[in-house]
């Protein structure tokens, strides 16, 4: 996303957005509308990559979170490949795999906890929950439901995501999905994480200790560190040189 490659649409369905990890990704129309308005006023100046970063900042502020300065000057990438998204964290990743994926991008355990906490806002598709509910590999063999999910919460999730339903949306932060706060961390500690990768934060002493520390600290500490993690993530893979462009339309390369 730092080079806006995820916004490219391909008639061959081979762009980054077509990777299953982006199933249910929404909001491209908002970015397209912002870009169209900017092109009317100052054509060729503001990149789609910067629009994504600024829109994320504004969404956080609009839901009660902090507003913060976002470094700009990114340019848009010239490549969008379906396989490029394979390196992204997966909802079924163990805590060891998550830590490894984050470390490969220069992010540490604190960043992992804080960026996972971004799930305080929004929803996910049942597609990303189904295996945890119906196809979880059990230690004794066979498949079933993830035994770490509390019984009442499991019933709630199954009522929301019936077998074969991949598209219904489920709040990631139960009871607080429209507000920026630390309740996602409280839900994780209580076993009420919706996706397995969120629940994984409780499976490592290091990440569990960070969750506990933020829950015991003032909300300003969480917000301050969250901003730092967001800005840090926003520099990963950012392009500024000649191997990039400022797209006229976010969904297609200028050469198309």
Protein backbone atom coordinates (compact mmCIF):
# COMPACT_ATOMS: atom_id res chain seq x y z
CA UNK A 1 0.00 0.00 0.00
CA UNK A 2 2.93 2.41 0.51
CA UNK A 3 3.32 2.69 -3.28
CA UNK A 4 -0.44 2.40 -4.00
CA UNK A 5 0.09 -0.89 -5.86
CA UNK A 6 -2.99 -2.30 -4.12
CA UNK A 7 -5.21 0.21 -5.95
CA UNK A 8 -4.39 -1.09 -9.44
CA UNK A 9 -7.21 -3.02 -11.11
CA UNK A 10 -6.41 -5.64 -13.71
CA UNK A 11 -8.68 -7.18 -16.33
CA UNK A 12 -6.58 -10.34 -15.94
CA UNK A 13 -7.17 -10.42 -12.16
CA UNK A 14 -3.42 -10.62 -11.56
CA UNK A 15 -2.88 -7.36 -9.65
CA UNK A 16 -1.99 -7.19 -5.96
CA UNK A 17 -5.60 -6.54 -4.96
CA UNK A 18 -6.58 -9.93 -6.42
CA UNK A 19 -4.56 -11.80 -3.80
CA UNK A 20 -6.82 -13.59 -1.30
CA UNK A 21 -5.20 -11.62 1.52
CA UNK A 22 -7.03 -8.57 0.17
CA UNK A 23 -10.41 -10.32 0.05
CA UNK A 24 -13.10 -7.80 0.93
CA UNK A 25 -10.80 -4.78 0.74
CA UNK A 26 -12.94 -1.68 0.51
CA UNK A 27 -12.58 2.07 0.22
CA UNK A 28 -10.96 2.28 -3.21
CA UNK A 29 -13.87 4.46 -4.35
CA UNK A 30 -13.06 6.99 -1.62
CA UNK A 31 -9.45 7.22 -2.78
CA UNK A 32 -10.60 7.52 -6.41
CA UNK A 33 -12.92 10.39 -5.50
CA UNK A 34 -10.20 12.19 -3.54
CA UNK A 35 -7.78 11.78 -6.43
CA UNK A 36 -10.30 13.13 -8.96
CA UNK A 37 -10.86 16.22 -6.83
CA UNK A 38 -7.13 16.80 -6.43
CA UNK A 39 -6.47 16.38 -10.15
CA UNK A 40 -9.01 19.12 -10.84
CA UNK A 41 -7.15 21.54 -8.58
CA UNK A 42 -3.48 20.52 -8.87
CA UNK A 43 -2.95 17.87 -11.54
CA UNK A 44 0.02 15.54 -11.24
CA UNK A 45 1.06 16.68 -7.76
CA UNK A 46 -0.49 14.44 -5.07
CA UNK A 47 0.19 10.72 -5.41
CA UNK A 48 -2.28 7.95 -4.70
CA UNK A 49 0.18 6.59 -2.13
CA UNK A 50 0.03 9.85 -0.18
CA UNK A 51 -3.76 9.88 -0.41
CA UNK A 52 -3.87 6.44 1.25
CA UNK A 53 -1.61 7.59 4.09
CA UNK A 54 -3.52 10.81 4.65
CA UNK A 55 -6.91 9.08 4.46
CA UNK A 56 -5.78 6.54 7.07
CA UNK A 57 -4.72 9.39 9.37
CA UNK A 58 -8.04 11.17 8.91
CA UNK A 59 -10.06 7.99 9.48
CA UNK A 60 -8.26 7.51 12.80
CA UNK A 61 -8.98 11.10 13.85
CA UNK A 62 -12.63 10.90 12.76
CA UNK A 63 -13.18 7.87 15.01
CA UNK A 64 -11.80 9.57 18.11
CA UNK A 65 -8.13 8.77 17.68
CA UNK A 66 -5.18 11.13 17.44
CA UNK A 67 -4.47 13.36 14.48
CA UNK A 68 -0.83 13.52 13.47
CA UNK A 69 1.56 14.78 10.83
CA UNK A 70 2.05 12.39 7.92
CA UNK A 71 5.27 12.63 5.90
CA UNK A 72 4.37 13.11 2.24
CA UNK A 73 6.24 12.97 -1.05
CA UNK A 74 5.63 9.30 -1.85
CA UNK A 75 5.22 8.38 -5.49
CA UNK A 76 3.16 5.60 -7.02
CA UNK A 77 4.66 2.28 -8.06
CA UNK A 78 4.85 0.95 -11.60
CA UNK A 79 4.19 -2.69 -10.68
CA UNK A 80 1.23 -4.48 -9.12
CA UNK A 81 1.60 -8.25 -8.91
CA UNK A 82 -0.79 -10.67 -7.23
CA UNK A 83 2.12 -12.52 -5.62
CA UNK A 84 3.55 -9.39 -3.99
CA UNK A 85 0.92 -9.65 -1.26
CA UNK A 86 2.13 -13.11 -0.24
CA UNK A 87 4.60 -11.50 2.18
CA UNK A 88 1.81 -9.79 4.13
CA UNK A 89 0.74 -11.21 7.50
CA UNK A 90 -1.96 -13.86 7.23
CA UNK A 91 -4.89 -14.32 9.60
CA UNK A 92 -3.73 -17.89 10.32
CA UNK A 93 -0.11 -16.96 11.09
CA UNK A 94 1.31 -18.07 14.43
CA UNK A 95 2.93 -15.48 16.66
CA UNK A 96 6.35 -16.74 15.54
CA UNK A 97 5.48 -16.21 11.88
CA UNK A 98 3.96 -12.80 12.60
CA UNK A 99 7.08 -11.64 14.42
CA UNK A 100 9.22 -12.88 11.55
CA UNK A 101 7.13 -11.13 8.90
CA UNK A 102 7.18 -7.86 10.80
CA UNK A 103 10.92 -8.10 11.48
CA UNK A 104 11.56 -8.61 7.75
CA UNK A 105 10.05 -5.16 7.19
CA UNK A 106 11.99 -3.52 10.01
CA UNK A 107 9.13 -3.67 12.52
CA UNK A 108 9.50 -4.97 16.07
CA UNK A 109 7.21 -6.57 18.66
CA UNK A 110 5.91 -3.20 19.81
CA UNK A 111 4.98 -2.31 16.24
CA UNK A 112 3.25 -5.68 15.89
CA UNK A 113 1.07 -5.03 18.93
CA UNK A 114 0.29 -1.43 18.01
CA UNK A 115 -0.50 -2.07 14.34
CA UNK A 116 -2.67 -5.04 15.28
CA UNK A 117 -4.52 -2.62 17.55
CA UNK A 118 -5.56 -0.74 14.40
CA UNK A 119 -8.24 -3.44 14.28
CA UNK A 120 -10.03 -1.36 16.91
CA UNK A 121 -11.80 0.13 13.88
CA UNK A 122 -13.71 -1.76 11.22
CA UNK A 123 -14.82 -5.20 10.20
CA UNK A 124 -13.54 -8.34 8.51
CA UNK A 125 -15.22 -10.80 6.16
CA UNK A 126 -16.28 -14.25 7.34
CA UNK A 127 -13.79 -15.54 4.75
CA UNK A 128 -11.02 -14.72 7.24
CA UNK A 129 -12.80 -16.31 10.21
CA UNK A 130 -14.22 -19.52 8.70
CA UNK A 131 -11.21 -21.78 9.24
CA UNK A 132 -11.03 -20.83 12.90
CA UNK A 133 -14.69 -21.73 13.34
CA UNK A 134 -15.05 -24.84 11.21
CA UNK A 135 -11.71 -26.08 9.91
CA UNK A 136 -9.26 -25.64 12.79
CA UNK A 137 -6.73 -28.47 12.98
CA UNK A 138 -7.11 -30.13 16.37
CA UNK A 139 -4.19 -31.68 18.25
CA UNK A 140 -5.79 -35.10 18.41
CA UNK A 141 -6.42 -35.13 14.68
CA UNK A 142 -9.37 -33.98 12.66
CA UNK A 143 -10.80 -30.50 12.41
CA UNK A 144 -13.28 -28.44 14.39
CA UNK A 145 -13.39 -25.08 16.15
CA UNK A 146 -10.42 -23.32 17.73
CA UNK A 147 -10.60 -24.52 21.37
CA UNK A 148 -9.17 -21.22 22.62
CA UNK A 149 -12.38 -19.37 21.70
CA UNK A 150 -14.74 -19.05 24.71
CA UNK A 151 -17.93 -21.09 24.17
CA UNK A 152 -20.34 -18.15 24.23
CA UNK A 153 -18.19 -16.15 21.82
CA UNK A 154 -17.85 -19.15 19.52
CA UNK A 155 -21.64 -19.45 19.37
CA UNK A 156 -21.86 -15.74 18.59
CA UNK A 157 -19.32 -15.97 15.77
CA UNK A 158 -20.94 -19.06 14.25
CA UNK A 159 -24.30 -17.31 14.26
CA UNK A 160 -22.68 -14.47 12.35
CA UNK A 161 -20.61 -16.62 9.97
CA UNK A 162 -22.56 -19.70 8.91
CA UNK A 163 -20.71 -22.46 7.01
CA UNK A 164 -20.14 -21.37 3.43
CA UNK A 165 -20.75 -17.68 4.16
CA UNK A 166 -17.61 -15.84 3.12
CA UNK A 167 -18.94 -12.30 2.74
CA UNK A 168 -20.82 -11.26 5.90
CA UNK A 169 -18.90 -8.64 7.84
CA UNK A 170 -17.89 -9.10 11.48
CA UNK A 171 -16.65 -6.36 13.82
CA UNK A 172 -12.98 -6.89 14.66
CA UNK A 173 -13.30 -5.04 17.96
CA UNK A 174 -16.42 -6.47 19.57
CA UNK A 175 -18.56 -3.69 21.00
CA UNK A 176 -16.32 -0.83 19.91
CA UNK A 177 -15.69 -1.15 16.19
CA UNK A 178 -16.54 2.49 15.43
CA UNK A 179 -14.28 4.03 18.05
CA UNK A 180 -10.50 4.33 18.18
CA UNK A 181 -9.50 3.02 21.60
CA UNK A 182 -7.58 0.21 23.27
CA UNK A 183 -10.59 -2.08 23.68
CA UNK A 184 -9.23 -4.38 20.95
CA UNK A 185 -6.37 -5.18 23.33
CA UNK A 186 -8.84 -5.88 26.15
CA UNK A 187 -10.78 -8.20 23.87
CA UNK A 188 -7.60 -10.03 22.90
CA UNK A 189 -6.70 -10.54 26.58
CA UNK A 190 -10.24 -11.82 27.25
CA UNK A 191 -10.16 -14.36 24.41
CA UNK A 192 -12.54 -12.30 22.29
CA UNK A 193 -10.30 -11.77 19.27
CA UNK A 194 -12.16 -12.46 16.03
CA UNK A 195 -9.25 -13.49 13.83
CA UNK A 196 -6.51 -15.89 14.85
CA UNK A 197 -3.63 -13.49 14.17
CA UNK A 198 -5.10 -11.03 16.68
CA UNK A 199 -5.49 -13.78 19.26
CA UNK A 200 -1.85 -14.75 18.65
CA UNK A 201 -0.67 -11.68 20.58
CA UNK A 202 -1.58 -13.57 23.74
CA UNK A 203 0.60 -16.54 22.74
CA UNK A 204 3.98 -14.87 23.29
CA UNK A 205 5.38 -13.57 26.56
CA UNK A 206 6.83 -10.53 24.79
CA UNK A 207 3.67 -9.42 23.00
CA UNK A 208 1.44 -10.35 25.94
CA UNK A 209 3.55 -8.15 28.21
CA UNK A 210 3.20 -5.24 25.79
CA UNK A 211 -0.58 -5.67 25.66
CA UNK A 212 -0.71 -5.72 29.46
CA UNK A 213 1.49 -2.62 29.69
CA UNK A 214 -0.73 -0.60 27.35
CA UNK A 215 -3.87 -1.66 29.18
CA UNK A 216 -2.33 -0.46 32.43
CA UNK A 217 -1.06 2.84 31.06
CA UNK A 218 -2.77 6.11 30.21
CA UNK A 219 -4.50 6.13 26.83
CA UNK A 220 -2.16 8.92 25.71
CA UNK A 221 0.78 6.48 25.86
CA UNK A 222 -1.04 4.03 23.58
CA UNK A 223 -1.99 6.79 21.15
CA UNK A 224 1.51 8.27 21.06
CA UNK A 225 3.14 4.92 20.36
CA UNK A 226 0.46 3.99 17.82
CA UNK A 227 1.20 7.15 15.85
CA UNK A 228 4.92 6.32 15.84
CA UNK A 229 4.20 2.82 14.53
CA UNK A 230 1.90 4.14 11.80
CA UNK A 231 4.47 6.67 10.61
CA UNK A 232 7.17 4.00 10.69
CA UNK A 233 5.05 1.58 8.65
CA UNK A 234 4.24 4.34 6.18
CA UNK A 235 7.87 4.56 5.10
CA UNK A 236 8.19 0.87 4.16
CA UNK A 237 8.71 0.54 0.43
CA UNK A 238 7.94 4.20 -0.17
CA UNK A 239 9.10 5.37 -3.60
CA UNK A 240 10.52 8.78 -4.43
CA UNK A 241 12.72 8.21 -7.49
CA UNK A 242 12.43 7.79 -11.24
CA UNK A 243 11.16 4.19 -10.96
CA UNK A 244 7.77 5.61 -9.97
CA UNK A 245 5.12 8.11 -11.03
CA UNK A 246 2.23 10.22 -9.81
CA UNK A 247 -0.77 8.46 -11.32
CA UNK A 248 -3.50 10.37 -13.08
CA UNK A 249 -6.03 7.75 -11.98
CA UNK A 250 -5.29 5.59 -8.95
CA UNK A 251 -6.64 2.36 -10.43
CA UNK A 252 -4.35 2.34 -13.47
CA UNK A 253 -0.79 3.12 -14.46
CA UNK A 254 -0.27 6.24 -16.56
CA UNK A 255 1.07 4.07 -19.38
CA UNK A 256 -2.17 2.03 -19.63
